[in-house]
C-alpha atoms as a PDB file:
ATOM      1  CA  UNK A   1      26.688   1.182   8.682  1.00  0.00           C
ATOM      2  CA  UNK A   2      24.569   3.749  10.473  1.00  0.00           C
ATOM      3  CA  UNK A   3      21.302   3.332  12.294  1.00  0.00           C
ATOM      4  CA  UNK A   4      19.636   5.119   9.412  1.00  0.00           C
ATOM      5  CA  UNK A   5      20.915   2.496   6.996  1.00  0.00           C
ATOM      6  CA  UNK A   6      19.470  -0.323   8.983  1.00  0.00           C
ATOM      7  CA  UNK A   7      16.261   1.245   9.825  1.00  0.00           C
ATOM      8  CA  UNK A   8      15.544   2.173   6.243  1.00  0.00           C
ATOM      9  CA  UNK A   9      16.613  -1.326   5.159  1.00  0.00           C
ATOM     10  CA  UNK A  10      14.253  -2.992   7.403  1.00  0.00           C
ATOM     11  CA  UNK A  11      11.304  -0.704   6.626  1.00  0.00           C
ATOM     12  CA  UNK A  12      11.921  -1.206   2.940  1.00  0.00           C
ATOM     13  CA  UNK A  13      11.995  -4.846   3.205  1.00  0.00           C
ATOM     14  CA  UNK A  14       8.818  -4.834   5.343  1.00  0.00           C
ATOM     15  CA  UNK A  15       7.187  -2.691   2.744  1.00  0.00           C
ATOM     16  CA  UNK A  16       8.212  -4.969  -0.194  1.00  0.00           C
ATOM     17  CA  UNK A  17       6.828  -7.900   1.893  1.00  0.00           C
ATOM     18  CA  UNK A  18       3.393  -6.201   2.296  1.00  0.00           C
ATOM     19  CA  UNK A  19       3.296  -5.569  -1.484  1.00  0.00           C
ATOM     20  CA  UNK A  20       4.209  -9.138  -2.120  1.00  0.00           C
ATOM     21  CA  UNK A  21       1.449 -10.355   0.261  1.00  0.00           C
ATOM     22  CA  UNK A  22      -1.188  -8.068  -1.461  1.00  0.00           C
ATOM     23  CA  UNK A  23      -0.257  -9.443  -4.815  1.00  0.00           C
ATOM     24  CA  UNK A  24      -0.551 -13.154  -3.665  1.00  0.00           C
ATOM     25  CA  UNK A  25      -3.899 -12.118  -2.209  1.00  0.00           C
ATOM     26  CA  UNK A  26      -5.161 -10.665  -5.294  1.00  0.00           C
ATOM     27  CA  UNK A  27      -4.154 -13.704  -7.227  1.00  0.00           C
ATOM     28  CA  UNK A  28      -5.542 -16.225  -4.896  1.00  0.00           C
ATOM     29  CA  UNK A  29      -8.648 -14.959  -3.361  1.00  0.00           C
ATOM     30  CA  UNK A  30     -11.830 -16.146  -5.197  1.00  0.00           C
ATOM     31  CA  UNK A  31     -14.027 -13.070  -5.594  1.00  0.00           C
ATOM     32  CA  UNK A  32     -13.546  -9.399  -6.439  1.00  0.00           C
ATOM     33  CA  UNK A  33     -14.321  -7.986  -3.098  1.00  0.00           C
ATOM     34  CA  UNK A  34     -11.953 -10.183  -1.197  1.00  0.00           C
ATOM     35  CA  UNK A  35      -9.167  -9.497  -3.664  1.00  0.00           C
ATOM     36  CA  UNK A  36      -9.773  -5.848  -3.440  1.00  0.00           C
ATOM     37  CA  UNK A  37      -9.725  -5.858   0.250  1.00  0.00           C
ATOM     38  CA  UNK A  38      -6.456  -7.716   0.313  1.00  0.00           C
ATOM     39  CA  UNK A  39      -4.829  -5.488  -2.120  1.00  0.00           C
ATOM     40  CA  UNK A  40      -5.815  -2.174  -0.830  1.00  0.00           C
ATOM     41  CA  UNK A  41      -5.019  -3.051   2.894  1.00  0.00           C
ATOM     42  CA  UNK A  42      -1.529  -4.368   2.245  1.00  0.00           C
ATOM     43  CA  UNK A  43      -0.674  -1.770  -0.479  1.00  0.00           C
ATOM     44  CA  UNK A  44      -1.452   1.127   1.781  1.00  0.00           C
ATOM     45  CA  UNK A  45       0.607  -0.349   4.645  1.00  0.00           C
ATOM     46  CA  UNK A  46       3.327  -1.296   2.091  1.00  0.00           C
ATOM     47  CA  UNK A  47       3.425   2.370   0.770  1.00  0.00           C
ATOM     48  CA  UNK A  48       3.491   3.794   4.231  1.00  0.00           C
ATOM     49  CA  UNK A  49       6.607   1.577   5.030  1.00  0.00           C
ATOM     50  CA  UNK A  50       8.345   2.499   1.818  1.00  0.00           C
ATOM     51  CA  UNK A  51       7.783   6.248   2.404  1.00  0.00           C
ATOM     52  CA  UNK A  52       9.016   5.857   5.993  1.00  0.00           C
ATOM     53  CA  UNK A  53      12.202   4.231   4.580  1.00  0.00           C
ATOM     54  CA  UNK A  54      12.748   7.033   2.379  1.00  0.00           C
ATOM     55  CA  UNK A  55      11.778   9.717   4.965  1.00  0.00           C
ATOM     56  CA  UNK A  56      14.454   8.184   7.312  1.00  0.00           C
ATOM     57  CA  UNK A  57      17.071   8.687   4.616  1.00  0.00           C
ATOM     58  CA  UNK A  58      15.696  12.192   3.653  1.00  0.00           C
ATOM     59  CA  UNK A  59      18.139  15.175   3.984  1.00  0.00           C
ATOM     60  CA  UNK A  60      15.589  17.524   5.168  1.00  0.00           C
ATOM     61  CA  UNK A  61      12.194  17.680   7.003  1.00  0.00           C
ATOM     62  CA  UNK A  62      10.595  19.266   3.782  1.00  0.00           C
ATOM     63  CA  UNK A  63      11.370  15.921   1.886  1.00  0.00           C
ATOM     64  CA  UNK A  64       9.974  13.825   4.756  1.00  0.00           C
ATOM     65  CA  UNK A  65       6.951  15.894   4.827  1.00  0.00           C
ATOM     66  CA  UNK A  66       6.366  15.563   1.105  1.00  0.00           C
ATOM     67  CA  UNK A  67       6.686  11.754   1.480  1.00  0.00           C
ATOM     68  CA  UNK A  68       3.971  11.888   4.092  1.00  0.00           C
ATOM     69  CA  UNK A  69       1.771  13.848   1.556  1.00  0.00           C
ATOM     70  CA  UNK A  70       2.501  11.185  -1.082  1.00  0.00           C
ATOM     71  CA  UNK A  71       1.314   8.477   1.399  1.00  0.00           C
ATOM     72  CA  UNK A  72      -1.850  10.464   1.988  1.00  0.00           C
ATOM     73  CA  UNK A  73      -2.597  10.876  -1.563  1.00  0.00           C
ATOM     74  CA  UNK A  74      -1.950   7.206  -2.203  1.00  0.00           C
ATOM     75  CA  UNK A  75      -4.353   6.219   0.595  1.00  0.00           C
ATOM     76  CA  UNK A  76      -6.934   8.660  -0.841  1.00  0.00           C
ATOM     77  CA  UNK A  77      -6.637   7.382  -4.399  1.00  0.00           C
ATOM     78  CA  UNK A  78      -6.786   3.710  -3.332  1.00  0.00           C
ATOM     79  CA  UNK A  79      -9.831   4.371  -1.355  1.00  0.00           C
ATOM     80  CA  UNK A  80     -11.763   6.023  -4.099  1.00  0.00           C
ATOM     81  CA  UNK A  81     -10.575   3.569  -6.742  1.00  0.00           C
ATOM     82  CA  UNK A  82     -11.460   0.673  -4.584  1.00  0.00           C
ATOM     83  CA  UNK A  83     -14.744   1.976  -3.733  1.00  0.00           C
ATOM     84  CA  UNK A  84     -15.566   2.459  -7.495  1.00  0.00           C
ATOM     85  CA  UNK A  85     -14.382  -1.068  -8.294  1.00  0.00           C
ATOM     86  CA  UNK A  86     -16.275  -2.620  -5.591  1.00  0.00           C
ATOM     87  CA  UNK A  87     -19.433  -0.648  -6.676  1.00  0.00           C
ATOM     88  CA  UNK A  88     -18.867  -1.967 -10.188  1.00  0.00           C
ATOM     89  CA  UNK A  89     -18.168  -5.558  -9.089  1.00  0.00           C
ATOM     90  CA  UNK A  90     -21.387  -5.703  -6.930  1.00  0.00           C
ATOM     91  CA  UNK A  91     -23.677  -4.247  -9.627  1.00  0.00           C
ATOM     92  CA  UNK A  92     -22.313  -6.757 -12.283  1.00  0.00           C
ATOM     93  CA  UNK A  93     -22.694  -9.652  -9.895  1.00  0.00           C
ATOM     94  CA  UNK A  94     -18.899 -10.502 -10.129  1.00  0.00           C
ATOM     95  CA  UNK A  95     -18.492 -10.153  -6.362  1.00  0.00           C
ATOM     96  CA  UNK A  96     -20.426 -13.431  -5.646  1.00  0.00           C
ATOM     97  CA  UNK A  97     -18.265 -16.510  -5.448  1.00  0.00           C
END
């Protein structure tokens, strides 16, 4: 096995671990804002690690760059959607425990 196999495997496992932690946080935290915080933080880091694992295995710099763009778009989408969900939860009083 090459170093690329090991590096991508470790990054992929770490990314899946962060996704699992975010899912558990979403299921266990009491109010909408803390659930949202746990989910967005860990999912952004999980997506970064999964994209990094794929970038290590990429055959060209173009593919690795496109994976970075995918990660940036994922961060942007989760930021905007988290803001909208938090604003709705705050207005509907679901954010209070």
